[in-house]
Amino acid sequence: MGRRVILIRHAVVPEAYQACCYGQSDVELDETGRAQSQATAELAAGWPITHLYASDLSRARDMAQRISERRGVPVTLDPRLRERHFGAWELVPWDDLAANHFAALANLAADPEKFAPAGGETTFEHRNRIMEWYRELPREGFIVAVTHGGTIAVLLGTLRGLPVYEWPELVPDYGAFVELGDTPASA
């Protein structure tokens, strides 16, 4: 049978947060985001899902619960699927971070093993927790995970063996999905 893994980025967040580093802040969806969650859940209702996972943050959980209701597959909430924890940078506008912490922003990719914003996690700590989740997936089935843009990019970049500085290019749009295909469980 093999396995298929589809990662879905949560729906669009309210406009007030789109220019901010919201990471693990539990930003709830507005009417637009809930409508996008609904549309994506209806699309996913046609998939033969055997396992459904989601980040426990409300913006991802909303979509996963909608998929669960349509498919009759229970959702497993897993905090390892959360976005990166940016610590003191949470909810700070990206423009302010660029103006006040330009060198530190560069360290996200330049020193992924050691650099973390105060109270946050390093790039590799984020990578390690998402890879731990990935390695524990069932070896067979149609697996769907509703998660976050950065988390998807980290997983894709790691599986593709890309350098860290290329990972941001892998962040999908809100509500988009990425299929990993029939992937080995040991990757």
Protein backbone atom coordinates (compact mmCIF):
# COMPACT_ATOMS: atom_id res chain seq x y z
CA MET A 1 0.00 0.00 0.00
CA GLY A 2 2.75 2.47 0.87
CA ARG A 3 2.11 5.83 2.34
CA ARG A 4 1.21 9.30 1.19
CA VAL A 5 1.80 12.34 3.35
CA ILE A 6 0.04 15.63 2.68
CA LEU A 7 0.90 18.73 4.68
CA ILE A 8 -1.59 21.60 4.72
CA ARG A 9 -0.78 25.09 5.89
CA HIS A 10 -3.45 26.60 8.11
CA ALA A 11 -5.84 29.19 6.69
CA VAL A 12 -5.05 32.87 6.38
CA VAL A 13 -4.70 34.75 9.66
CA PRO A 14 -6.25 38.18 10.26
CA GLU A 15 -4.53 40.95 8.33
CA ALA A 16 -3.29 42.60 11.53
CA TYR A 17 -0.97 39.60 12.12
CA GLN A 18 0.26 38.96 8.58
CA ALA A 19 3.16 41.40 8.88
CA CYS A 20 4.11 40.09 12.34
CA CYS A 21 6.29 37.29 13.58
CA TYR A 22 3.48 35.32 15.23
CA GLY A 23 5.20 31.92 15.49
CA GLN A 24 3.64 30.00 18.39
CA SER A 25 1.29 32.79 19.44
CA ASP A 26 -2.22 31.35 19.28
CA VAL A 27 -3.61 33.66 16.63
CA GLU A 28 -7.25 32.81 15.98
CA LEU A 29 -8.87 32.94 12.57
CA ASP A 30 -11.33 35.59 11.47
CA GLU A 31 -14.27 35.09 9.09
CA THR A 32 -11.98 34.97 6.04
CA GLY A 33 -9.73 32.35 7.63
CA ARG A 34 -12.67 30.22 8.77
CA ALA A 35 -14.12 30.31 5.24
CA GLN A 36 -10.76 29.21 3.81
CA SER A 37 -10.57 26.40 6.41
CA GLN A 38 -14.05 25.31 5.35
CA ALA A 39 -13.13 25.28 1.63
CA THR A 40 -9.95 23.30 2.24
CA ALA A 41 -11.79 20.83 4.48
CA GLU A 42 -14.35 20.25 1.73
CA LEU A 43 -11.54 19.53 -0.74
CA ALA A 44 -9.86 17.14 1.71
CA ALA A 45 -13.17 15.35 2.31
CA GLY A 46 -12.59 13.55 -1.00
CA TRP A 47 -9.25 12.11 0.09
CA PRO A 48 -8.99 8.58 1.56
CA ILE A 49 -7.48 9.84 4.82
CA THR A 50 -6.41 7.17 7.29
CA HIS A 51 -4.51 9.40 9.75
CA LEU A 52 -5.14 13.07 10.54
CA TYR A 53 -2.73 15.19 12.57
CA ALA A 54 -2.63 18.88 13.46
CA SER A 55 -0.73 21.44 15.42
CA ASP A 56 -2.58 22.21 18.63
CA LEU A 57 -2.64 25.95 17.83
CA SER A 58 -6.17 27.09 16.99
CA ARG A 59 -5.41 28.30 13.44
CA ALA A 60 -4.38 24.76 12.43
CA ARG A 61 -6.74 22.91 14.76
CA ASP A 62 -9.77 24.64 13.18
CA MET A 63 -9.10 23.21 9.74
CA ALA A 64 -8.22 19.76 11.07
CA GLN A 65 -11.45 19.57 13.07
CA ARG A 66 -13.43 20.48 9.96
CA ILE A 67 -11.66 17.75 7.98
CA SER A 68 -12.27 15.29 10.81
CA GLU A 69 -16.01 16.04 10.85
CA ARG A 70 -16.31 15.44 7.09
CA ARG A 71 -14.13 12.31 6.88
CA GLY A 72 -14.99 10.71 10.21
CA VAL A 73 -11.28 10.34 10.99
CA PRO A 74 -10.20 11.52 14.44
CA VAL A 75 -7.63 14.28 14.60
CA THR A 76 -4.49 13.82 16.69
CA LEU A 77 -3.23 17.13 18.03
CA ASP A 78 0.54 17.25 18.31
CA PRO A 79 2.49 20.27 19.62
CA ARG A 80 5.54 19.13 17.62
CA LEU A 81 3.65 20.38 14.54
CA ARG A 82 3.64 23.95 15.90
CA GLU A 83 5.40 26.80 14.16
CA ARG A 84 8.83 27.81 15.38
CA HIS A 85 8.88 29.47 18.79
CA PHE A 86 10.30 32.96 18.29
CA GLY A 87 10.39 33.89 21.99
CA ALA A 88 10.70 37.65 22.50
CA TRP A 89 10.06 38.22 18.80
CA GLU A 90 6.52 36.84 18.97
CA LEU A 91 3.93 39.33 17.66
CA VAL A 92 6.61 41.90 16.74
CA PRO A 93 6.24 43.30 13.20
CA TRP A 94 8.84 41.89 10.79
CA ASP A 95 9.74 45.45 9.73
CA ASP A 96 10.62 46.32 13.34
CA LEU A 97 12.71 43.17 13.65
CA ALA A 98 14.53 44.03 10.42
CA ALA A 99 15.19 47.58 11.61
CA ASN A 100 16.26 46.69 15.14
CA HIS A 101 17.64 43.14 14.85
CA PHE A 102 18.98 42.88 11.30
CA ALA A 103 22.11 40.92 12.24
CA ALA A 104 20.13 38.61 14.52
CA LEU A 105 17.64 37.84 11.72
CA ALA A 106 20.54 36.74 9.53
CA ASN A 107 21.60 34.31 12.27
CA LEU A 108 18.36 32.32 11.86
CA ALA A 109 19.98 30.74 8.78
CA ALA A 110 23.66 31.52 9.38
CA ASP A 111 23.81 29.85 12.81
CA PRO A 112 20.84 27.43 12.82
CA GLU A 113 22.33 25.22 15.51
CA LYS A 114 23.01 27.89 18.13
CA PHE A 115 21.02 31.07 17.47
CA ALA A 116 17.57 31.57 18.97
CA PRO A 117 15.67 34.75 19.76
CA ALA A 118 15.51 35.28 23.54
CA GLY A 119 13.18 32.61 24.96
CA GLY A 120 12.72 30.98 21.56
CA GLU A 121 14.12 27.96 19.78
CA THR A 122 16.92 27.52 17.27
CA THR A 123 16.27 26.55 13.67
CA PHE A 124 17.64 23.08 14.38
CA GLU A 125 15.51 22.64 17.52
CA HIS A 126 12.48 23.35 15.31
CA ARG A 127 13.81 20.90 12.73
CA ASN A 128 14.48 18.21 15.32
CA ARG A 129 10.95 18.24 16.74
CA ILE A 130 9.26 18.13 13.33
CA MET A 131 11.59 15.33 12.19
CA GLU A 132 10.81 13.39 15.38
CA TRP A 133 7.10 13.61 14.48
CA TYR A 134 7.81 12.61 10.88
CA ARG A 135 9.87 9.55 11.84
CA GLU A 136 7.04 8.29 14.07
CA LEU A 137 4.42 8.34 11.30
CA PRO A 138 2.80 5.04 10.33
CA ARG A 139 4.56 3.25 7.49
CA GLU A 140 1.33 2.91 5.54
CA GLY A 141 -1.71 5.04 4.94
CA PHE A 142 -2.95 8.35 3.62
CA ILE A 143 -1.67 10.84 6.17
CA VAL A 144 -2.74 14.48 6.40
CA ALA A 145 -1.21 17.03 8.77
CA VAL A 146 -2.50 20.58 9.21
CA THR A 147 0.41 22.69 10.35
CA HIS A 148 2.30 25.93 9.72
CA GLY A 149 4.26 27.46 6.85
CA GLY A 150 7.63 27.43 8.58
CA THR A 151 7.15 23.90 9.85
CA ILE A 152 6.34 22.67 6.33
CA ALA A 153 9.38 24.49 4.94
CA VAL A 154 11.67 22.99 7.58
CA LEU A 155 10.42 19.46 6.88
CA LEU A 156 10.67 19.86 3.10
CA GLY A 157 14.10 21.48 3.27
CA THR A 158 15.41 18.75 5.54
CA LEU A 159 14.00 15.90 3.43
CA ARG A 160 15.39 17.48 0.25
CA GLY A 161 18.79 18.10 1.82
CA LEU A 162 18.66 21.82 1.08
CA PRO A 163 20.73 24.41 2.92
CA VAL A 164 18.87 26.29 5.66
CA TYR A 165 18.97 29.62 3.79
CA GLU A 166 16.76 28.06 1.05
CA TRP A 167 14.06 26.83 3.45
CA PRO A 168 12.05 30.10 3.53
CA GLU A 169 11.37 29.70 -0.20
CA LEU A 170 9.47 26.48 0.60
CA VAL A 171 6.78 28.15 2.74
CA PRO A 172 3.44 27.44 1.01
CA ASP A 173 0.55 29.89 0.79
CA TYR A 174 -2.17 29.89 3.44
CA GLY A 175 -4.49 26.93 2.91
CA ALA A 176 -2.15 25.29 0.36
CA PHE A 177 -1.06 21.70 0.58
CA VAL A 178 2.16 19.92 -0.24
CA GLU A 179 2.27 16.21 -0.99
CA LEU A 180 5.38 14.35 0.07
CA GLY A 181 4.23 11.24 -1.82
CA ASP A 182 5.23 7.72 -0.90
CA THR A 183 8.05 8.60 1.45
CA PRO A 184 10.26 6.26 3.46
CA ALA A 185 9.55 6.22 7.18
CA SER A 186 13.26 6.30 7.97
CA ALA A 187 13.97 9.58 6.17
